Protein backbone atom coordinates (compact mmCIF):
# COMPACT_ATOMS: atom_id res chain seq x y z
CA MET A 1 0.00 0.00 0.00
CA THR A 2 1.34 3.42 -1.01
CA ILE A 3 0.26 6.69 0.68
CA HIS A 4 0.56 10.10 -0.97
CA SER A 5 0.25 12.98 1.47
CA ASP A 6 0.22 16.11 -0.68
CA SER A 7 -2.99 17.31 1.05
CA PRO A 8 -5.30 15.97 3.76
CA ALA A 9 -8.32 15.91 1.48
CA GLY A 10 -6.63 13.96 -1.25
CA ASP A 11 -5.12 11.39 1.03
CA LEU A 12 -8.15 9.10 1.11
CA ALA A 13 -8.64 9.38 -2.64
CA ARG A 14 -5.17 8.41 -3.38
CA LEU A 15 -5.11 5.33 -1.05
CA ARG A 16 -4.43 2.10 -2.97
CA ILE A 17 -3.06 -1.45 -2.37
CA ASP A 18 0.33 -2.41 -3.75
CA ARG A 19 -0.34 -5.84 -5.24
CA ASP A 20 3.37 -6.57 -5.86
CA ALA A 21 4.42 -6.25 -2.14
CA ALA A 22 2.29 -9.17 -0.82
CA PRO A 23 4.05 -12.00 -2.72
CA ARG A 24 7.44 -10.74 -1.56
CA ARG A 25 6.35 -10.89 2.10
CA ARG A 26 4.99 -14.42 1.75
CA TRP A 27 8.26 -15.58 0.20
CA VAL A 28 10.27 -14.20 3.12
CA LEU A 29 7.91 -15.86 5.62
CA TRP A 30 8.18 -19.25 3.92
CA ALA A 31 11.96 -18.98 3.79
CA PHE A 32 12.07 -18.21 7.51
CA LEU A 33 9.83 -21.20 8.30
CA LEU A 34 12.00 -23.51 6.19
CA PHE A 35 15.12 -22.27 8.01
CA VAL A 36 13.56 -22.92 11.40
CA CYS A 37 12.49 -26.44 10.42
CA ALA A 38 15.94 -27.25 9.03
CA SER A 39 17.63 -25.99 12.19
CA ALA A 40 15.29 -28.01 14.39
CA ALA A 41 15.91 -31.15 12.33
CA ALA A 42 19.67 -30.67 12.61
CA ALA A 43 19.52 -30.02 16.36
CA TYR A 44 17.26 -32.95 17.17
CA PRO A 45 19.96 -35.68 17.25
CA LYS A 46 22.17 -33.51 19.45
CA ALA A 47 19.32 -32.76 21.80
CA ARG A 48 18.38 -36.41 21.91
CA ASP A 49 21.98 -37.37 22.72
CA TYR A 50 22.18 -34.64 25.34
CA ILE A 51 19.01 -35.86 27.04
CA ALA A 52 20.24 -39.45 26.94
CA GLN A 53 23.59 -38.38 28.39
CA ARG A 54 21.90 -36.48 31.21
CA ARG A 55 19.80 -39.51 32.06
CA ALA A 56 22.82 -41.86 31.99
CA PRO A 57 24.12 -43.12 35.38
CA GLU A 58 27.12 -41.32 36.88
CA VAL A 59 30.03 -43.65 37.70
CA ASP A 60 33.49 -43.62 39.31
CA VAL A 61 36.29 -45.01 37.18
CA ALA A 62 39.89 -46.17 37.49
CA ARG A 63 42.54 -47.32 35.07
CA ALA A 64 44.04 -50.77 34.78
CA THR A 65 47.74 -50.48 35.62
CA GLN A 66 50.69 -52.65 34.69
CA VAL A 67 53.78 -53.51 36.71
CA VAL A 68 56.74 -55.10 34.92
CA ALA A 69 59.63 -56.84 36.68
CA VAL A 70 62.98 -55.24 35.97
CA LYS A 71 65.74 -57.64 35.00
CA GLY A 72 67.88 -58.26 38.06
CA GLY A 73 65.49 -56.21 40.19
CA SER A 74 62.03 -56.52 41.67
CA THR A 75 58.50 -55.37 40.98
CA ASP A 76 56.48 -53.08 43.20
CA LEU A 77 53.54 -55.38 43.88
CA PRO A 78 51.77 -54.25 47.05
CA VAL A 79 51.03 -56.94 49.62
CA LEU A 80 50.04 -55.14 52.82
CA VAL A 81 49.61 -51.57 54.07
CA ALA A 82 50.24 -50.45 57.65
CA SER A 83 50.55 -47.08 59.36
CA GLY A 84 52.81 -45.96 62.17
CA TYR A 85 55.34 -43.36 63.27
CA VAL A 86 58.90 -42.50 62.35
CA VAL A 87 61.37 -43.30 65.13
CA ALA A 88 65.14 -43.32 65.45
CA ARG A 89 66.63 -46.77 65.80
CA ARG A 90 68.95 -45.32 68.46
CA SER A 91 67.31 -42.81 70.76
CA SER A 92 68.06 -41.99 74.37
CA ASP A 93 66.57 -39.83 77.11
CA VAL A 94 69.76 -38.48 78.65
CA GLY A 95 69.52 -37.82 82.38
CA VAL A 96 71.70 -36.97 85.35
CA LYS A 97 73.43 -39.32 87.76
CA THR A 98 73.24 -37.01 90.74
CA GLY A 99 70.85 -34.36 91.94
CA GLY A 100 71.50 -30.65 91.92
CA ARG A 101 70.89 -27.37 90.17
CA LEU A 102 71.77 -27.07 86.49
CA ALA A 103 74.66 -24.65 86.09
CA ARG A 104 75.26 -24.92 82.34
CA LEU A 105 73.57 -26.36 79.23
CA GLN A 106 75.54 -26.79 76.03
CA PHE A 107 72.69 -27.62 73.65
CA GLU A 108 69.41 -26.58 72.09
CA GLU A 109 66.99 -28.52 69.90
CA GLY A 110 68.82 -29.46 66.74
CA THR A 111 72.32 -29.34 68.27
CA ARG A 112 74.60 -32.08 66.97
CA VAL A 113 76.60 -33.81 69.70
CA ARG A 114 79.43 -36.31 69.72
CA LYS A 115 79.84 -39.34 71.92
CA GLY A 116 81.38 -38.39 75.31
CA GLU A 117 80.85 -34.66 74.83
CA VAL A 118 79.72 -32.74 77.94
CA ILE A 119 76.31 -31.28 77.18
CA ALA A 120 75.36 -30.06 80.68
CA GLU A 121 76.82 -29.44 84.14
CA ILE A 122 75.37 -29.42 87.66
CA GLU A 123 76.64 -27.02 90.31
CA HIS A 124 79.58 -28.75 92.04
CA ALA A 125 81.46 -26.30 94.26
CA ASP A 126 80.85 -28.49 97.32
CA ILE A 127 82.11 -31.59 95.53
CA GLU A 128 85.25 -29.77 94.42
CA ALA A 129 85.87 -28.85 98.07
CA GLN A 130 85.43 -32.48 99.09
CA LEU A 131 87.86 -33.53 96.39
CA GLU A 132 90.44 -31.02 97.58
CA ALA A 133 90.03 -32.23 101.19
CA SER A 134 90.48 -35.83 100.03
CA ARG A 135 93.65 -34.98 98.17
CA ARG A 136 95.05 -33.23 101.26
CA GLY A 137 94.13 -36.30 103.27
CA VAL A 138 96.29 -38.37 100.93
CA ALA A 139 99.23 -35.99 101.48
CA GLU A 140 98.78 -36.20 105.25
CA ALA A 141 98.63 -39.98 105.16
CA GLU A 142 101.78 -40.11 103.07
CA ALA A 143 103.58 -37.88 105.60
CA GLN A 144 102.45 -40.14 108.45
CA LEU A 145 103.69 -43.15 106.50
CA ALA A 146 107.11 -41.52 106.12
CA GLN A 147 107.32 -40.92 109.87
CA ALA A 148 106.18 -44.45 110.68
CA THR A 149 108.68 -45.89 108.22
CA ALA A 150 111.57 -43.89 109.73
CA ALA A 151 110.60 -44.99 113.26
CA ARG A 152 110.31 -48.60 112.15
CA ASP A 153 113.75 -48.52 110.52
CA GLU A 154 115.28 -47.09 113.71
CA ASP A 155 113.60 -49.75 115.86
CA VAL A 156 114.79 -52.51 113.49
CA ARG A 157 118.42 -51.24 113.74
CA ASN A 158 118.12 -51.09 117.54
CA LEU A 159 116.80 -54.67 117.57
CA GLU A 160 119.77 -55.83 115.54
CA ARG A 161 122.21 -54.14 118.03
CA GLN A 162 120.43 -55.78 121.00
CA ARG A 163 120.72 -59.17 119.40
CA GLN A 164 124.43 -58.67 118.79
CA LEU A 165 124.98 -57.50 122.33
CA MET A 166 123.07 -60.53 123.60
CA LYS A 167 125.47 -62.77 121.73
CA ASP A 168 128.36 -60.93 123.35
CA GLY A 169 126.70 -61.23 126.75
CA ILE A 170 126.66 -57.48 127.27
CA THR A 171 122.88 -56.78 127.29
CA THR A 172 120.01 -58.33 129.15
CA THR A 173 117.08 -60.38 127.96
CA ALA A 174 114.69 -57.62 129.03
CA SER A 175 116.46 -55.11 126.75
CA LEU A 176 116.28 -57.54 123.81
CA THR A 177 112.57 -58.19 124.41
CA GLY A 178 111.88 -54.45 124.59
CA ALA A 179 113.69 -53.88 121.27
CA GLU A 180 111.68 -56.65 119.61
CA SER A 181 108.40 -55.17 120.89
CA ALA A 182 109.32 -51.68 119.68
CA ALA A 183 110.21 -53.02 116.22
CA ALA A 184 106.89 -54.90 116.00
CA VAL A 185 104.91 -51.78 116.99
CA SER A 186 106.77 -49.67 114.43
CA ALA A 187 106.03 -52.21 111.69
CA ALA A 188 102.33 -52.15 112.62
CA ARG A 189 102.32 -48.37 112.47
CA VAL A 190 103.78 -48.51 108.96
CA ARG A 191 101.07 -50.89 107.80
CA SER A 192 98.43 -48.62 109.37
CA ALA A 193 99.89 -45.61 107.56
CA GLU A 194 99.86 -47.53 104.26
CA ALA A 195 96.22 -48.44 104.81
CA ALA A 196 95.43 -44.81 105.61
CA ILE A 197 96.98 -43.79 102.29
CA SER A 198 94.89 -46.36 100.40
CA SER A 199 91.78 -45.12 102.17
CA ALA A 200 92.62 -41.48 101.40
CA ARG A 201 93.24 -42.28 97.75
CA ALA A 202 89.89 -44.12 97.58
CA ARG A 203 88.16 -41.03 98.97
CA VAL A 204 89.82 -39.01 96.22
CA LYS A 205 88.42 -41.39 93.60
CA VAL A 206 84.96 -41.13 95.16
CA ALA A 207 85.16 -37.35 95.05
CA GLU A 208 86.46 -37.39 91.47
CA GLU A 209 83.61 -39.71 90.45
CA ALA A 210 81.09 -37.46 92.21
CA LEU A 211 82.55 -34.49 90.33
CA GLU A 212 82.35 -36.38 87.04
CA ASN A 213 78.74 -37.28 87.77
CA THR A 214 77.89 -33.59 87.70
CA ASN A 215 78.74 -33.69 83.97
CA VAL A 216 76.12 -34.98 81.54
CA ARG A 217 77.74 -36.56 78.49
CA ALA A 218 76.26 -37.60 75.14
CA PRO A 219 75.98 -41.41 74.92
CA PHE A 220 76.52 -41.49 71.12
CA ASN A 221 76.78 -39.26 68.07
CA GLY A 222 73.40 -37.74 67.33
CA VAL A 223 71.09 -34.74 67.38
CA VAL A 224 69.20 -33.25 70.32
CA ILE A 225 65.54 -33.58 69.32
CA LYS A 226 64.02 -32.45 72.61
CA LYS A 227 65.20 -30.15 75.39
CA ARG A 228 63.64 -31.04 78.74
CA ALA A 229 65.28 -28.66 81.25
CA GLU A 230 66.70 -25.17 81.62
CA VAL A 231 69.61 -23.62 83.53
CA GLY A 232 68.70 -23.09 87.18
CA GLU A 233 66.29 -26.00 87.45
CA THR A 234 66.86 -28.56 90.17
CA VAL A 235 67.16 -32.04 88.75
CA SER A 236 67.62 -35.52 90.15
CA PRO A 237 67.89 -39.05 88.79
CA PHE A 238 64.17 -39.43 89.54
CA GLY A 239 62.93 -36.41 87.61
CA VAL A 240 63.09 -32.71 86.96
CA GLN A 241 61.47 -30.59 89.64
CA GLY A 242 57.99 -29.58 88.46
CA GLN A 243 57.80 -32.32 85.81
CA ALA A 244 56.26 -35.78 85.85
CA SER A 245 58.36 -38.46 87.51
CA ARG A 246 58.18 -40.59 84.38
CA GLU A 247 60.75 -38.26 82.81
CA GLY A 248 63.30 -40.18 84.88
CA GLY A 249 65.62 -37.20 85.30
CA ALA A 250 66.04 -36.73 81.55
CA ILE A 251 67.20 -33.28 80.50
CA ALA A 252 67.39 -34.04 76.76
CA THR A 253 66.45 -36.61 74.15
CA ILE A 254 69.18 -37.49 71.67
CA ALA A 255 68.57 -39.49 68.50
CA ASP A 256 70.78 -40.83 65.75
CA LEU A 257 69.01 -39.43 62.68
CA GLY A 258 71.23 -41.47 60.38
CA GLU A 259 69.17 -44.59 61.14
CA LEU A 260 65.45 -43.83 60.95
CA GLU A 261 62.69 -46.40 60.75
CA VAL A 262 58.93 -46.70 60.90
CA GLN A 263 57.41 -48.33 63.95
CA THR A 264 54.14 -49.90 62.84
CA GLU A 265 51.68 -52.61 63.83
CA VAL A 266 50.39 -55.45 61.68
CA SER A 267 47.41 -57.63 62.46
CA GLU A 268 48.09 -61.27 63.28
CA ASN A 269 46.39 -62.29 60.02
CA GLY A 270 48.76 -60.09 58.01
CA VAL A 271 52.04 -61.20 59.58
CA ALA A 272 52.11 -64.34 57.44
CA LYS A 273 52.43 -62.13 54.33
CA LEU A 274 55.70 -60.63 55.55
CA THR A 275 59.13 -62.07 54.79
CA PRO A 276 62.61 -61.15 56.11
CA ALA A 277 64.16 -58.06 54.47
CA MET A 278 60.93 -57.51 52.52
CA PRO A 279 61.01 -54.32 50.39
CA ALA A 280 58.58 -51.58 51.28
CA GLU A 281 57.48 -48.13 50.22
CA VAL A 282 57.25 -45.44 52.90
CA LYS A 283 55.09 -42.33 52.55
CA LEU A 284 54.93 -39.49 55.07
CA GLN A 285 51.58 -37.94 55.82
CA ALA A 286 53.20 -34.50 55.62
CA TYR A 287 54.75 -35.13 52.17
CA GLN A 288 52.34 -37.28 50.19
CA ASP A 289 54.18 -36.79 46.89
CA GLN A 290 57.53 -38.02 48.26
CA LEU A 291 58.16 -41.77 48.40
CA TYR A 292 60.98 -43.42 50.34
CA ARG A 293 62.47 -46.87 49.95
CA GLY A 294 62.23 -49.15 52.94
CA ARG A 295 63.14 -52.64 54.10
CA LEU A 296 61.59 -54.80 56.79
CA ARG A 297 64.12 -54.98 59.61
CA GLN A 298 62.37 -56.74 62.46
CA ILE A 299 59.17 -58.54 63.35
CA PHE A 300 58.85 -58.53 67.14
CA PRO A 301 58.90 -62.01 68.71
CA SER A 302 55.67 -61.50 70.67
CA ALA A 303 52.19 -60.22 69.88
CA ASP A 304 49.77 -57.99 71.76
CA ARG A 305 47.05 -60.33 72.99
CA ALA A 306 44.52 -57.55 73.60
CA LYS A 307 44.91 -55.91 70.18
CA ALA A 308 45.83 -59.03 68.17
CA ILE A 309 48.70 -57.16 66.53
CA VAL A 310 52.45 -57.61 66.12
CA GLU A 311 54.91 -54.71 66.14
CA VAL A 312 57.08 -54.38 63.04
CA ARG A 313 60.05 -52.10 62.30
CA VAL A 314 60.83 -50.91 58.75
CA THR A 315 64.16 -49.21 58.00
CA ILE A 316 64.02 -46.10 55.77
CA LEU A 317 66.85 -46.57 53.29
CA ASN A 318 67.00 -43.06 51.82
CA PRO A 319 65.90 -40.56 54.48
CA ASP A 320 66.32 -36.84 53.86
CA GLU A 321 65.79 -33.63 55.81
CA HIS A 322 62.00 -34.03 55.56
CA VAL A 323 61.96 -37.25 57.60
CA LYS A 324 61.69 -36.44 61.29
CA PRO A 325 61.02 -38.61 64.35
CA GLU A 326 57.39 -38.90 65.47
CA MET A 327 56.02 -38.11 61.98
CA THR A 328 53.04 -40.16 60.84
CA ALA A 329 53.91 -42.54 58.01
CA SER A 330 52.33 -45.34 56.00
CA VAL A 331 54.20 -48.42 54.82
CA THR A 332 53.29 -50.48 51.77
CA PHE A 333 54.98 -53.86 51.93
CA GLN A 334 55.85 -55.20 48.48
CA GLU A 335 56.35 -58.65 47.08
CA LYS A 336 59.92 -59.34 46.07
CA ARG A 337 59.86 -60.88 42.58
CA VAL A 338 63.41 -61.31 41.34
CA SER A 339 63.96 -62.18 37.68
CA GLY A 340 65.61 -65.54 37.14
CA ALA A 341 67.48 -67.22 34.30
CA ALA A 342 65.94 -66.93 30.84
CA GLY A 343 63.95 -69.89 29.60
CA THR A 344 62.79 -71.15 33.00
CA ASP A 345 59.18 -71.23 34.13
CA THR A 346 60.13 -69.41 37.32
CA ALA A 347 61.81 -66.63 35.39
CA ALA A 348 58.85 -66.34 33.05
CA ARG A 349 56.43 -65.99 35.94
CA SER A 350 58.73 -63.57 37.79
CA SER A 351 59.36 -61.27 34.82
CA ALA A 352 55.84 -61.42 33.31
CA PRO A 353 53.89 -58.14 33.35
CA VAL A 354 51.24 -57.90 36.03
CA ILE A 355 47.99 -56.02 35.34
CA LEU A 356 46.13 -54.68 38.35
CA VAL A 357 42.58 -53.34 38.70
CA PRO A 358 40.76 -52.21 41.87
CA LYS A 359 38.80 -54.94 43.63
CA ARG A 360 35.75 -52.69 43.56
CA ALA A 361 35.74 -52.84 39.76
CA VAL A 362 35.23 -56.62 39.67
CA ALA A 363 31.68 -58.05 39.71
CA GLU A 364 30.52 -61.65 39.65
CA GLN A 365 27.55 -63.35 38.11
CA ALA A 366 26.88 -67.05 37.60
CA GLY A 367 30.38 -67.88 38.82
CA GLN A 368 32.03 -65.58 36.28
CA SER A 369 34.10 -62.49 37.08
CA PHE A 370 33.79 -59.46 34.83
CA VAL A 371 34.42 -55.72 34.68
CA TRP A 372 32.74 -52.86 32.83
CA VAL A 373 35.10 -51.01 30.48
CA VAL A 374 34.28 -47.40 29.50
CA THR A 375 35.20 -46.19 26.00
CA GLY A 376 33.96 -42.84 24.71
CA GLY A 377 31.11 -42.66 27.19
CA THR A 378 29.77 -46.17 26.44
CA VAL A 379 30.36 -49.36 28.42
CA ALA A 380 31.28 -52.91 27.50
CA ARG A 381 31.13 -56.02 29.67
CA ARG A 382 34.45 -57.94 29.81
CA LEU A 383 35.01 -61.35 31.36
CA VAL A 384 38.29 -61.45 33.31
CA THR A 385 40.58 -64.07 34.81
CA LEU A 386 41.70 -63.04 38.29
CA GLY A 387 44.98 -63.70 40.07
CA ALA A 388 46.35 -62.82 43.50
CA GLU A 389 44.89 -59.98 45.55
CA ARG A 390 47.10 -56.95 46.21
CA ILE A 391 45.58 -55.00 49.13
CA ASP A 392 42.73 -53.09 47.41
CA GLN A 393 43.72 -54.35 43.95
CA VAL A 394 43.66 -57.71 42.21
CA GLU A 395 45.72 -59.20 39.41
CA VAL A 396 43.93 -59.63 36.08
CA ARG A 397 45.43 -62.29 33.83
CA GLY A 398 43.12 -61.71 30.90
CA GLY A 399 40.22 -59.56 29.75
CA VAL A 400 41.63 -56.04 30.03
CA VAL A 401 44.75 -54.28 28.85
CA PRO A 402 46.77 -51.62 30.70
CA GLY A 403 45.30 -48.14 30.47
CA GLU A 404 41.69 -49.17 29.94
CA VAL A 405 39.13 -47.41 32.12
CA VAL A 406 36.97 -49.63 34.35
CA ILE A 407 33.93 -48.70 36.44
CA MET A 408 34.24 -48.77 40.21
CA ASN A 409 31.26 -50.27 42.09
CA PRO A 410 29.25 -50.76 38.87
CA PRO A 411 25.58 -49.79 39.35
CA GLN A 412 22.67 -52.05 38.51
CA GLY A 413 21.14 -51.85 35.04
CA LEU A 414 24.33 -51.48 32.97
CA ALA A 415 24.24 -53.06 29.52
CA ASP A 416 26.67 -53.45 26.63
CA GLY A 417 26.70 -50.26 24.61
CA GLY A 418 24.99 -48.29 27.34
CA VAL A 419 25.83 -44.67 28.04
CA VAL A 420 27.41 -43.52 31.32
CA ARG A 421 28.66 -40.27 32.76
CA VAL A 422 32.09 -40.26 34.38
CA LYS A 423 32.25 -38.26 37.60
CA GLY A 424 34.38 -35.17 37.31
CA SER A 425 34.32 -35.06 33.51
C-alpha cells in the first residue's frame, strides 16, 4: 500500500493497495519457516543425545595399571599396608646421675653432639671442696707413713744391736725383748699408715667420680631432638622438679638421625604375608608426593594379645631432611619378585607383566568375574581371569589391557553399549 500525502483531502482518494508487495512478504515468511524447520531437524539428534547423556548413570572409574619386573630387580607389587610413626633406631633420654641445680647447658633442639661430649653441668662447688680435702688427706697420710717408716727402721736397727749384744753377753734379755716389741709396733704403724693412704686415695676417687657425675655426656653421636630442662632448674635421677616423675631425670632426648625407621603394627592375620628383608614403600603424611624406599628390619617375637597385633620395624633406606622422628607414616609392603634365568618357568612368571585393577571394579555373576570397560562414554562387559589380591587391587590375567578405564562399584542396570557419565568429567 502506497500513501501520498500532498494534502489531507486527497489522502483518502489516493489510497491504494500495492499488489506486488504481498508476494514478496509471503516468500520471506516461507523462507524463515524452512530455516527454522531445518535448524530443528539438525539439532534434534544432538538434543536427543544430550538428554540421553543427562539420564545416563554417573560412575566412578579407574585405570588398569601394569607392573613389569625389571631384569635383576624386583616389581612393586603391594602386599600389605600399615601405618605408624617414624622413630630413630637409636634414641636416648639423657639424664643426670646425681641431683642438683643445672649450672650450664651446652645444647638446644637441633644441636649435633658427639659421643662423650659434655652437654650439661650441675653445680659442684661443694664436691670440688670435698675432692680437695680428700687430696690433702692423701698428702697427710703419706707424711704419716714416712714418719712411721723412719721410726720402724730405727727400731729394726736397735733390735739388731740388742741381738748382737746378747750374743756378746753385754745386754740383758729384758732389753732384747723391749727392742723386739718396739720393732713390732713400728712395723704395725707402717702398715696402718699404708692403709690410711689407700683409704685417702679411695676417697679421692669417690670425690672425682662425684665431680664427674655432675657432667652430663652424650651417649653417642646424634642430634638433640628435645630439650627437657633449663639452667637453674633442680634435677635428680628421679625427675626434673615440676615435671612428671616418668621423665626419669632426663634433660634431653638425643637421637641418631642417620638410622630412621617406621614403627608400625600389623594384624596377626597379616604377619604371614611378611618375609625377612621384605622391600617396602614409605610415605609421610606431611609429604604425600615423596616416596621413600624401605626394608623390613624386624618382626617382634611376641604379639599384643589384647589388640591381636604384632609390632614391626621398617628401615628407611633413603631418608632426607623431611623425615623427622614422630612423623606419621604409612608403609606399603611389596612382594619381592626377582627375575631368574631366561627360559625357565620361574623366570617367566617372575618377569611377566602384572595387570592390576581395583577390587571394587570386579563383579561376579553365575560364577564368572567381569568388569565394565568405559570407552567414549559407552560401556562394554568384559570377562576377566583373576589372580592374586594386592591389598585393594587384584591381578587380572586376561580380559583387560593396561590403560583401559573400568567402572568402580558398577551400578545395577548397565548393559553393553549403554551410556554412562564419568564423575568429574
